[in-house]
């Protein structure tokens, strides 16, 4: 059954890591669809529409109001991963490994990744880094933990990289990122997120790798695309990256609803008796 084939009525087909890994060879003409989710409700709403849900450490900025992702803890990722698993039945679910949970050593990475897999029940983990993380990716994969790699613009390394800027404009930097792509693929990553690269580089990486690329601000040529759910729905409005397309303005809608509610309460229009218990509804006379 194809990853895009609708399941029989009432029987959701679970999309697995091998499905994602094989997508480039089997269904390359139809891009993979991925979005982030941090709650059971959002996961349930996305369930019928996406192939992969990422429980991203972007939750630090989107939900907790942090300036970046560096303050996110392993406990946060596990808690939100568990919530997402309560709402997601069909998509492949991957959980981000937060900053400081995997960089020290492959052994440390395994302990924390194993904890995520066991306590969340997700399909795999994602970690940032290319050549320097290849040994760790290989260590995890050989011990049964599927890894989604992440190269290009890496938010956990934002201070070293000098901020959130597109990557690969200079030939030397582009070549380094291409080497990162090959390294994570050779290490056993089942797919790789390519973030914030100039378009020709995103296309070049996709053409060079046998594993799927999932772009975010990279290239239409990538084998799939991912965005933050709150970005496309207009819920996160602190800033809007160039690569985001807004499909709704839910943030404004929530603000409008709160304003109307406040006006009704202050004017005595809400609640009315129809919103109260112990009041019999009046019936029309014959």
C-alpha atoms as a PDB file:
ATOM      1  CA  UNK A   1       0.000   0.000   0.000  1.00  0.00           C
ATOM      2  CA  UNK A   2       1.341   3.411  -0.949  1.00  0.00           C
ATOM      3  CA  UNK A   3       2.098   6.004   1.713  1.00  0.00           C
ATOM      4  CA  UNK A   4      -0.536   8.117  -0.072  1.00  0.00           C
ATOM      5  CA  UNK A   5      -3.143   5.356  -0.458  1.00  0.00           C
ATOM      6  CA  UNK A   6      -6.201   6.006   1.743  1.00  0.00           C
ATOM      7  CA  UNK A   7      -6.612   3.257   4.348  1.00  0.00           C
ATOM      8  CA  UNK A   8      -9.768   1.142   4.547  1.00  0.00           C
ATOM      9  CA  UNK A   9     -12.652   2.909   6.322  1.00  0.00           C
ATOM     10  CA  UNK A  10     -12.091   3.030  10.073  1.00  0.00           C
ATOM     11  CA  UNK A  11      -8.595   1.528   9.839  1.00  0.00           C
ATOM     12  CA  UNK A  12      -5.846   4.183   9.824  1.00  0.00           C
ATOM     13  CA  UNK A  13      -2.642   3.029   8.173  1.00  0.00           C
ATOM     14  CA  UNK A  14       0.322   3.879  10.345  1.00  0.00           C
ATOM     15  CA  UNK A  15       3.166   5.499   8.397  1.00  0.00           C
ATOM     16  CA  UNK A  16       6.497   4.094   9.525  1.00  0.00           C
ATOM     17  CA  UNK A  17      10.128   5.138   9.345  1.00  0.00           C
ATOM     18  CA  UNK A  18      10.753   2.611   6.514  1.00  0.00           C
ATOM     19  CA  UNK A  19       7.858   4.205   4.601  1.00  0.00           C
ATOM     20  CA  UNK A  20       9.506   7.619   4.882  1.00  0.00           C
ATOM     21  CA  UNK A  21      12.940   6.236   4.035  1.00  0.00           C
ATOM     22  CA  UNK A  22      11.634   4.504   0.913  1.00  0.00           C
ATOM     23  CA  UNK A  23       9.594   7.463  -0.260  1.00  0.00           C
ATOM     24  CA  UNK A  24      12.239   8.880  -2.588  1.00  0.00           C
ATOM     25  CA  UNK A  25      12.455   5.658  -4.547  1.00  0.00           C
ATOM     26  CA  UNK A  26       8.773   4.722  -4.467  1.00  0.00           C
ATOM     27  CA  UNK A  27       6.846   7.998  -4.539  1.00  0.00           C
ATOM     28  CA  UNK A  28       9.354  10.700  -5.379  1.00  0.00           C
ATOM     29  CA  UNK A  29       6.925  12.612  -7.571  1.00  0.00           C
ATOM     30  CA  UNK A  30       4.602  13.296  -4.624  1.00  0.00           C
ATOM     31  CA  UNK A  31       6.353  15.277  -1.873  1.00  0.00           C
ATOM     32  CA  UNK A  32       6.183  14.242   1.758  1.00  0.00           C
ATOM     33  CA  UNK A  33       4.083  16.514   3.980  1.00  0.00           C
ATOM     34  CA  UNK A  34       5.313  17.301   7.485  1.00  0.00           C
ATOM     35  CA  UNK A  35       4.252  19.740  10.194  1.00  0.00           C
ATOM     36  CA  UNK A  36       5.115  20.333  13.824  1.00  0.00           C
ATOM     37  CA  UNK A  37       2.742  19.571  16.681  1.00  0.00           C
ATOM     38  CA  UNK A  38       3.131  19.992  20.422  1.00  0.00           C
ATOM     39  CA  UNK A  39      -0.307  18.977  21.760  1.00  0.00           C
ATOM     40  CA  UNK A  40      -2.777  16.110  21.448  1.00  0.00           C
ATOM     41  CA  UNK A  41      -5.388  18.421  19.946  1.00  0.00           C
ATOM     42  CA  UNK A  42      -3.110  19.667  17.180  1.00  0.00           C
ATOM     43  CA  UNK A  43      -1.900  16.140  16.422  1.00  0.00           C
ATOM     44  CA  UNK A  44      -5.490  14.951  16.104  1.00  0.00           C
ATOM     45  CA  UNK A  45      -6.312  17.801  13.718  1.00  0.00           C
ATOM     46  CA  UNK A  46      -3.269  17.021  11.552  1.00  0.00           C
ATOM     47  CA  UNK A  47      -3.694  13.251  11.632  1.00  0.00           C
ATOM     48  CA  UNK A  48      -5.440  12.769   8.283  1.00  0.00           C
ATOM     49  CA  UNK A  49      -3.356  15.285   6.372  1.00  0.00           C
ATOM     50  CA  UNK A  50       0.357  14.803   7.044  1.00  0.00           C
ATOM     51  CA  UNK A  51       2.864  12.005   6.608  1.00  0.00           C
ATOM     52  CA  UNK A  52       5.155  13.067   9.448  1.00  0.00           C
ATOM     53  CA  UNK A  53       4.662  15.032  12.658  1.00  0.00           C
ATOM     54  CA  UNK A  54       7.708  16.573  14.283  1.00  0.00           C
ATOM     55  CA  UNK A  55       7.514  17.398  17.972  1.00  0.00           C
ATOM     56  CA  UNK A  56       9.974  20.225  17.459  1.00  0.00           C
ATOM     57  CA  UNK A  57      12.054  22.045  20.026  1.00  0.00           C
ATOM     58  CA  UNK A  58      10.590  25.142  18.366  1.00  0.00           C
ATOM     59  CA  UNK A  59       7.974  24.704  21.093  1.00  0.00           C
ATOM     60  CA  UNK A  60      10.356  26.687  23.288  1.00  0.00           C
ATOM     61  CA  UNK A  61       9.686  29.800  21.230  1.00  0.00           C
ATOM     62  CA  UNK A  62       6.123  29.057  20.133  1.00  0.00           C
ATOM     63  CA  UNK A  63       4.638  27.826  23.416  1.00  0.00           C
ATOM     64  CA  UNK A  64       7.008  28.993  26.147  1.00  0.00           C
ATOM     65  CA  UNK A  65       8.084  32.374  24.829  1.00  0.00           C
ATOM     66  CA  UNK A  66      11.826  31.680  24.864  1.00  0.00           C
ATOM     67  CA  UNK A  67      14.025  33.725  22.537  1.00  0.00           C
ATOM     68  CA  UNK A  68      15.476  30.573  20.997  1.00  0.00           C
ATOM     69  CA  UNK A  69      15.375  26.785  21.394  1.00  0.00           C
ATOM     70  CA  UNK A  70      18.363  26.479  23.710  1.00  0.00           C
ATOM     71  CA  UNK A  71      16.370  26.527  26.965  1.00  0.00           C
ATOM     72  CA  UNK A  72      14.198  23.556  26.031  1.00  0.00           C
ATOM     73  CA  UNK A  73      14.681  20.531  28.294  1.00  0.00           C
ATOM     74  CA  UNK A  74      14.461  16.800  27.703  1.00  0.00           C
ATOM     75  CA  UNK A  75      11.514  16.672  30.090  1.00  0.00           C
ATOM     76  CA  UNK A  76       9.635  19.247  27.988  1.00  0.00           C
ATOM     77  CA  UNK A  77      10.192  17.239  24.819  1.00  0.00           C
ATOM     78  CA  UNK A  78       9.045  14.028  26.465  1.00  0.00           C
ATOM     79  CA  UNK A  79       5.906  15.625  27.918  1.00  0.00           C
ATOM     80  CA  UNK A  80       4.888  17.183  24.614  1.00  0.00           C
ATOM     81  CA  UNK A  81       5.821  14.026  22.727  1.00  0.00           C
ATOM     82  CA  UNK A  82       3.496  12.023  24.962  1.00  0.00           C
ATOM     83  CA  UNK A  83       0.722  14.538  24.327  1.00  0.00           C
ATOM     84  CA  UNK A  84       1.169  14.311  20.563  1.00  0.00           C
ATOM     85  CA  UNK A  85       1.103  10.518  20.678  1.00  0.00           C
ATOM     86  CA  UNK A  86      -2.330  10.676  22.305  1.00  0.00           C
ATOM     87  CA  UNK A  87      -3.666  12.485  19.250  1.00  0.00           C
ATOM     88  CA  UNK A  88      -1.663  11.004  16.362  1.00  0.00           C
ATOM     89  CA  UNK A  89      -2.634   7.637  14.916  1.00  0.00           C
ATOM     90  CA  UNK A  90      -1.498   7.711  11.294  1.00  0.00           C
ATOM     91  CA  UNK A  91       1.603   9.920  10.823  1.00  0.00           C
ATOM     92  CA  UNK A  92       5.177   8.979  11.614  1.00  0.00           C
ATOM     93  CA  UNK A  93       6.025  10.881  14.822  1.00  0.00           C
ATOM     94  CA  UNK A  94       9.559  12.152  15.440  1.00  0.00           C
ATOM     95  CA  UNK A  95      10.733  13.998  18.564  1.00  0.00           C
ATOM     96  CA  UNK A  96      13.520  16.585  18.611  1.00  0.00           C
ATOM     97  CA  UNK A  97      16.455  15.969  20.915  1.00  0.00           C
ATOM     98  CA  UNK A  98      17.002  19.285  22.721  1.00  0.00           C
ATOM     99  CA  UNK A  99      20.272  21.157  23.036  1.00  0.00           C
ATOM    100  CA  UNK A 100      22.685  19.476  25.442  1.00  0.00           C
ATOM    101  CA  UNK A 101      21.019  16.061  25.319  1.00  0.00           C
ATOM    102  CA  UNK A 102      23.204  14.440  22.654  1.00  0.00           C
ATOM    103  CA  UNK A 103      26.283  16.527  21.786  1.00  0.00           C
ATOM    104  CA  UNK A 104      28.607  15.286  24.540  1.00  0.00           C
ATOM    105  CA  UNK A 105      29.010  11.706  23.326  1.00  0.00           C
ATOM    106  CA  UNK A 106      27.257   8.936  21.391  1.00  0.00           C
ATOM    107  CA  UNK A 107      26.664   7.153  24.687  1.00  0.00           C
ATOM    108  CA  UNK A 108      24.934  10.169  26.198  1.00  0.00           C
ATOM    109  CA  UNK A 109      22.874  10.557  23.047  1.00  0.00           C
ATOM    110  CA  UNK A 110      21.792   6.926  23.227  1.00  0.00           C
ATOM    111  CA  UNK A 111      20.704   7.169  26.849  1.00  0.00           C
ATOM    112  CA  UNK A 112      18.559  10.224  26.169  1.00  0.00           C
ATOM    113  CA  UNK A 113      17.217   8.997  22.824  1.00  0.00           C
ATOM    114  CA  UNK A 114      16.307   5.653  24.377  1.00  0.00           C
ATOM    115  CA  UNK A 115      14.445   7.484  27.127  1.00  0.00           C
ATOM    116  CA  UNK A 116      12.473   9.465  24.532  1.00  0.00           C
ATOM    117  CA  UNK A 117      11.576   6.339  22.559  1.00  0.00           C
ATOM    118  CA  UNK A 118      10.553   4.391  25.673  1.00  0.00           C
ATOM    119  CA  UNK A 119       8.597   7.131  27.433  1.00  0.00           C
ATOM    120  CA  UNK A 120       6.972   8.707  24.368  1.00  0.00           C
ATOM    121  CA  UNK A 121       6.487   5.713  22.101  1.00  0.00           C
ATOM    122  CA  UNK A 122       7.420   7.761  19.041  1.00  0.00           C
ATOM    123  CA  UNK A 123       8.962   6.458  15.834  1.00  0.00           C
ATOM    124  CA  UNK A 124      12.348   8.143  16.092  1.00  0.00           C
ATOM    125  CA  UNK A 125      14.333  11.204  17.092  1.00  0.00           C
ATOM    126  CA  UNK A 126      15.800  14.205  15.295  1.00  0.00           C
ATOM    127  CA  UNK A 127      19.131  15.805  16.012  1.00  0.00           C
ATOM    128  CA  UNK A 128      21.070  18.662  14.462  1.00  0.00           C
ATOM    129  CA  UNK A 129      24.525  18.389  12.947  1.00  0.00           C
ATOM    130  CA  UNK A 130      26.405  16.994   9.994  1.00  0.00           C
ATOM    131  CA  UNK A 131      29.923  15.604   9.845  1.00  0.00           C
ATOM    132  CA  UNK A 132      30.490  16.169  13.555  1.00  0.00           C
ATOM    133  CA  UNK A 133      27.366  14.155  14.477  1.00  0.00           C
ATOM    134  CA  UNK A 134      27.818  11.304  12.005  1.00  0.00           C
ATOM    135  CA  UNK A 135      29.396   9.011  14.605  1.00  0.00           C
ATOM    136  CA  UNK A 136      26.507   9.646  16.979  1.00  0.00           C
ATOM    137  CA  UNK A 137      23.882   9.008  14.283  1.00  0.00           C
ATOM    138  CA  UNK A 138      25.590   5.733  13.379  1.00  0.00           C
ATOM    139  CA  UNK A 139      25.786   4.746  17.062  1.00  0.00           C
ATOM    140  CA  UNK A 140      22.061   5.338  17.551  1.00  0.00           C
ATOM    141  CA  UNK A 141      20.932   3.646  14.349  1.00  0.00           C
ATOM    142  CA  UNK A 142      23.012   0.537  15.052  1.00  0.00           C
ATOM    143  CA  UNK A 143      21.263   0.298  18.422  1.00  0.00           C
ATOM    144  CA  UNK A 144      17.769   0.501  17.021  1.00  0.00           C
ATOM    145  CA  UNK A 145      16.958   4.208  17.201  1.00  0.00           C
ATOM    146  CA  UNK A 146      15.835   5.776  13.906  1.00  0.00           C
ATOM    147  CA  UNK A 147      17.348   9.217  13.320  1.00  0.00           C
ATOM    148  CA  UNK A 148      16.072  12.139  11.276  1.00  0.00           C
ATOM    149  CA  UNK A 149      19.084  14.379  10.632  1.00  0.00           C
ATOM    150  CA  UNK A 150      19.045  18.187  10.366  1.00  0.00           C
ATOM    151  CA  UNK A 151      21.576  20.274   8.434  1.00  0.00           C
ATOM    152  CA  UNK A 152      21.914  23.774   7.006  1.00  0.00           C
ATOM    153  CA  UNK A 153      20.566  26.406   9.365  1.00  0.00           C
ATOM    154  CA  UNK A 154      20.642  24.732  12.772  1.00  0.00           C
ATOM    155  CA  UNK A 155      18.790  26.697  15.484  1.00  0.00           C
ATOM    156  CA  UNK A 156      20.695  25.032  18.323  1.00  0.00           C
ATOM    157  CA  UNK A 157      23.940  26.429  16.875  1.00  0.00           C
ATOM    158  CA  UNK A 158      22.565  29.888  16.189  1.00  0.00           C
ATOM    159  CA  UNK A 159      25.104  31.696  18.391  1.00  0.00           C
ATOM    160  CA  UNK A 160      28.102  30.088  16.698  1.00  0.00           C
ATOM    161  CA  UNK A 161      26.619  30.674  13.262  1.00  0.00           C
ATOM    162  CA  UNK A 162      25.968  34.342  13.909  1.00  0.00           C
ATOM    163  CA  UNK A 163      22.179  34.335  13.960  1.00  0.00           C
ATOM    164  CA  UNK A 164      19.325  33.185  11.789  1.00  0.00           C
ATOM    165  CA  UNK A 165      20.556  33.694   8.241  1.00  0.00           C
ATOM    166  CA  UNK A 166      20.397  31.672   5.060  1.00  0.00           C
ATOM    167  CA  UNK A 167      23.229  29.217   4.544  1.00  0.00           C
ATOM    168  CA  UNK A 168      25.322  28.258   1.533  1.00  0.00           C
ATOM    169  CA  UNK A 169      25.720  31.585  -0.235  1.00  0.00           C
ATOM    170  CA  UNK A 170      29.493  31.223  -0.337  1.00  0.00           C
ATOM    171  CA  UNK A 171      31.021  28.273  -2.151  1.00  0.00           C
ATOM    172  CA  UNK A 172      33.014  27.059   0.853  1.00  0.00           C
ATOM    173  CA  UNK A 173      29.981  27.058   3.139  1.00  0.00           C
ATOM    174  CA  UNK A 174      27.866  25.321   0.501  1.00  0.00           C
ATOM    175  CA  UNK A 175      30.484  22.611   0.129  1.00  0.00           C
ATOM    176  CA  UNK A 176      30.602  22.098   3.898  1.00  0.00           C
ATOM    177  CA  UNK A 177      26.822  21.665   4.052  1.00  0.00           C
ATOM    178  CA  UNK A 178      26.924  19.226   1.142  1.00  0.00           C
ATOM    179  CA  UNK A 179      29.546  17.215   3.034  1.00  0.00           C
ATOM    180  CA  UNK A 180      27.235  17.279   6.069  1.00  0.00           C
ATOM    181  CA  UNK A 181      24.439  15.878   3.923  1.00  0.00           C
ATOM    182  CA  UNK A 182      26.537  12.983   2.688  1.00  0.00           C
ATOM    183  CA  UNK A 183      27.854  12.300   6.188  1.00  0.00           C
ATOM    184  CA  UNK A 184      24.435  11.947   7.822  1.00  0.00           C
ATOM    185  CA  UNK A 185      23.151   9.810   4.969  1.00  0.00           C
ATOM    186  CA  UNK A 186      26.187   7.529   5.140  1.00  0.00           C
ATOM    187  CA  UNK A 187      25.754   7.306   8.921  1.00  0.00           C
ATOM    188  CA  UNK A 188      22.272   5.827   8.535  1.00  0.00           C
ATOM    189  CA  UNK A 189      19.816   8.713   8.948  1.00  0.00           C
ATOM    190  CA  UNK A 190      16.510   7.704   7.326  1.00  0.00           C
ATOM    191  CA  UNK A 191      15.919  11.276   6.058  1.00  0.00           C
ATOM    192  CA  UNK A 192      17.326  14.747   6.549  1.00  0.00           C
ATOM    193  CA  UNK A 193      15.772  18.139   7.234  1.00  0.00           C
ATOM    194  CA  UNK A 194      17.477  20.816   5.124  1.00  0.00           C
ATOM    195  CA  UNK A 195      16.808  24.224   6.641  1.00  0.00           C
ATOM    196  CA  UNK A 196      17.479  27.742   5.455  1.00  0.00           C
ATOM    197  CA  UNK A 197      19.831  27.013   2.572  1.00  0.00           C
ATOM    198  CA  UNK A 198      19.939  28.943  -0.669  1.00  0.00           C
ATOM    199  CA  UNK A 199      17.713  27.238  -3.213  1.00  0.00           C
ATOM    200  CA  UNK A 200      20.402  25.881  -5.569  1.00  0.00           C
ATOM    201  CA  UNK A 201      22.102  24.165  -2.635  1.00  0.00           C
ATOM    202  CA  UNK A 202      18.863  22.596  -1.390  1.00  0.00           C
ATOM    203  CA  UNK A 203      18.257  21.257  -4.897  1.00  0.00           C
ATOM    204  CA  UNK A 204      21.828  20.000  -5.178  1.00  0.00           C
ATOM    205  CA  UNK A 205      21.616  18.142  -1.866  1.00  0.00           C
ATOM    206  CA  UNK A 206      18.330  16.515  -2.868  1.00  0.00           C
ATOM    207  CA  UNK A 207      19.779  15.330  -6.157  1.00  0.00           C
ATOM    208  CA  UNK A 208      22.911  13.983  -4.450  1.00  0.00           C
ATOM    209  CA  UNK A 209      21.323  11.925  -1.675  1.00  0.00           C
ATOM    210  CA  UNK A 210      19.552   8.583  -1.787  1.00  0.00           C
ATOM    211  CA  UNK A 211      17.565   9.411   1.379  1.00  0.00           C
ATOM    212  CA  UNK A 212      14.662  11.876   1.357  1.00  0.00           C
ATOM    213  CA  UNK A 213      15.282  15.550   2.025  1.00  0.00           C
ATOM    214  CA  UNK A 214      12.619  17.513   3.892  1.00  0.00           C
ATOM    215  CA  UNK A 215      12.965  21.200   3.215  1.00  0.00           C
ATOM    216  CA  UNK A 216      12.164  24.224   5.325  1.00  0.00           C
ATOM    217  CA  UNK A 217      13.199  27.346   3.507  1.00  0.00           C
ATOM    218  CA  UNK A 218      15.394  25.252   1.210  1.00  0.00           C
ATOM    219  CA  UNK A 219      13.977  24.293  -2.199  1.00  0.00           C
ATOM    220  CA  UNK A 220      10.800  23.115  -3.956  1.00  0.00           C
ATOM    221  CA  UNK A 221      12.976  20.287  -5.246  1.00  0.00           C
ATOM    222  CA  UNK A 222      13.227  18.703  -1.792  1.00  0.00           C
ATOM    223  CA  UNK A 223      11.467  15.362  -1.375  1.00  0.00           C
ATOM    224  CA  UNK A 224       9.171  16.857   1.257  1.00  0.00           C
ATOM    225  CA  UNK A 225       8.394  20.062   3.119  1.00  0.00           C
ATOM    226  CA  UNK A 226       7.952  20.948   6.786  1.00  0.00           C
ATOM    227  CA  UNK A 227       6.744  24.087   8.550  1.00  0.00           C
ATOM    228  CA  UNK A 228       5.716  25.037  12.063  1.00  0.00           C
ATOM    229  CA  UNK A 229       1.972  24.565  12.419  1.00  0.00           C
ATOM    230  CA  UNK A 230       1.534  27.779  14.399  1.00  0.00           C
ATOM    231  CA  UNK A 231       3.293  29.691  11.609  1.00  0.00           C
ATOM    232  CA  UNK A 232       1.005  28.515   8.819  1.00  0.00           C
ATOM    233  CA  UNK A 233      -2.094  29.055  10.988  1.00  0.00           C
ATOM    234  CA  UNK A 234      -1.108  32.566  12.076  1.00  0.00           C
ATOM    235  CA  UNK A 235      -0.926  31.695  15.766  1.00  0.00           C
ATOM    236  CA  UNK A 236       2.749  32.595  16.170  1.00  0.00           C
ATOM    237  CA  UNK A 237       3.071  36.204  15.064  1.00  0.00           C
ATOM    238  CA  UNK A 238       6.238  37.457  16.779  1.00  0.00           C
ATOM    239  CA  UNK A 239       7.935  37.262  13.391  1.00  0.00           C
ATOM    240  CA  UNK A 240       7.303  35.614  10.020  1.00  0.00           C
ATOM    241  CA  UNK A 241      10.214  33.967   8.218  1.00  0.00           C
ATOM    242  CA  UNK A 242      10.363  34.500   4.473  1.00  0.00           C
ATOM    243  CA  UNK A 243       9.779  30.810   3.819  1.00  0.00           C
ATOM    244  CA  UNK A 244       6.465  30.697   5.718  1.00  0.00           C
ATOM    245  CA  UNK A 245       3.121  30.874   3.928  1.00  0.00           C
ATOM    246  CA  UNK A 246       0.195  31.854   6.150  1.00  0.00           C
ATOM    247  CA  UNK A 247      -2.940  29.859   5.395  1.00  0.00           C
ATOM    248  CA  UNK A 248      -5.027  31.290   8.263  1.00  0.00           C
ATOM    249  CA  UNK A 249      -4.930  34.136  10.755  1.00  0.00           C
ATOM    250  CA  UNK A 250      -6.083  32.241  13.835  1.00  0.00           C
ATOM    251  CA  UNK A 251      -4.183  34.576  16.128  1.00  0.00           C
ATOM    252  CA  UNK A 252      -6.323  37.495  15.020  1.00  0.00           C
ATOM    253  CA  UNK A 253      -9.431  35.335  15.278  1.00  0.00           C
ATOM    254  CA  UNK A 254      -8.638  34.376  18.863  1.00  0.00           C
ATOM    255  CA  UNK A 255      -7.994  38.013  19.722  1.00  0.00           C
ATOM    256  CA  UNK A 256     -11.308  39.032  18.146  1.00  0.00           C
ATOM    257  CA  UNK A 257     -13.159  36.288  20.033  1.00  0.00           C
ATOM    258  CA  UNK A 258     -11.602  37.360  23.353  1.00  0.00           C
ATOM    259  CA  UNK A 259     -12.551  40.985  22.669  1.00  0.00           C
ATOM    260  CA  UNK A 260     -16.177  40.082  21.875  1.00  0.00           C
ATOM    261  CA  UNK A 261     -16.388  37.850  24.967  1.00  0.00           C
ATOM    262  CA  UNK A 262     -14.988  40.584  27.228  1.00  0.00           C
ATOM    263  CA  UNK A 263     -17.472  43.112  25.840  1.00  0.00           C
ATOM    264  CA  UNK A 264     -20.391  40.718  26.398  1.00  0.00           C
ATOM    265  CA  UNK A 265     -19.357  39.967  29.994  1.00  0.00           C
ATOM    266  CA  UNK A 266     -18.877  43.640  30.880  1.00  0.00           C
ATOM    267  CA  UNK A 267     -22.192  44.586  29.289  1.00  0.00           C
ATOM    268  CA  UNK A 268     -24.091  41.781  31.014  1.00  0.00           C
ATOM    269  CA  UNK A 269     -24.889  40.011  27.715  1.00  0.00           C
ATOM    270  CA  UNK A 270     -23.105  36.810  28.770  1.00  0.00           C
ATOM    271  CA  UNK A 271     -24.020  34.518  30.335  1.00  0.00           C
ATOM    272  CA  UNK A 272     -27.764  34.438  29.771  1.00  0.00           C
ATOM    273  CA  UNK A 273     -30.155  31.920  31.324  1.00  0.00           C
ATOM    274  CA  UNK A 274     -29.729  29.623  28.325  1.00  0.00           C
ATOM    275  CA  UNK A 275     -26.108  29.126  29.401  1.00  0.00           C
ATOM    276  CA  UNK A 276     -27.088  28.154  32.981  1.00  0.00           C
ATOM    277  CA  UNK A 277     -28.068  24.866  34.632  1.00  0.00           C
ATOM    278  CA  UNK A 278     -31.376  24.234  36.424  1.00  0.00           C
ATOM    279  CA  UNK A 279     -33.381  26.434  34.086  1.00  0.00           C
ATOM    280  CA  UNK A 280     -36.161  24.752  32.127  1.00  0.00           C
ATOM    281  CA  UNK A 281     -36.355  25.783  28.512  1.00  0.00           C
ATOM    282  CA  UNK A 282     -39.594  27.549  27.694  1.00  0.00           C
ATOM    283  CA  UNK A 283     -41.861  25.804  25.228  1.00  0.00           C
ATOM    284  CA  UNK A 284     -44.079  27.587  22.717  1.00  0.00           C
ATOM    285  CA  UNK A 285     -47.852  27.587  23.406  1.00  0.00           C
ATOM    286  CA  UNK A 286     -50.062  25.441  21.261  1.00  0.00           C
END
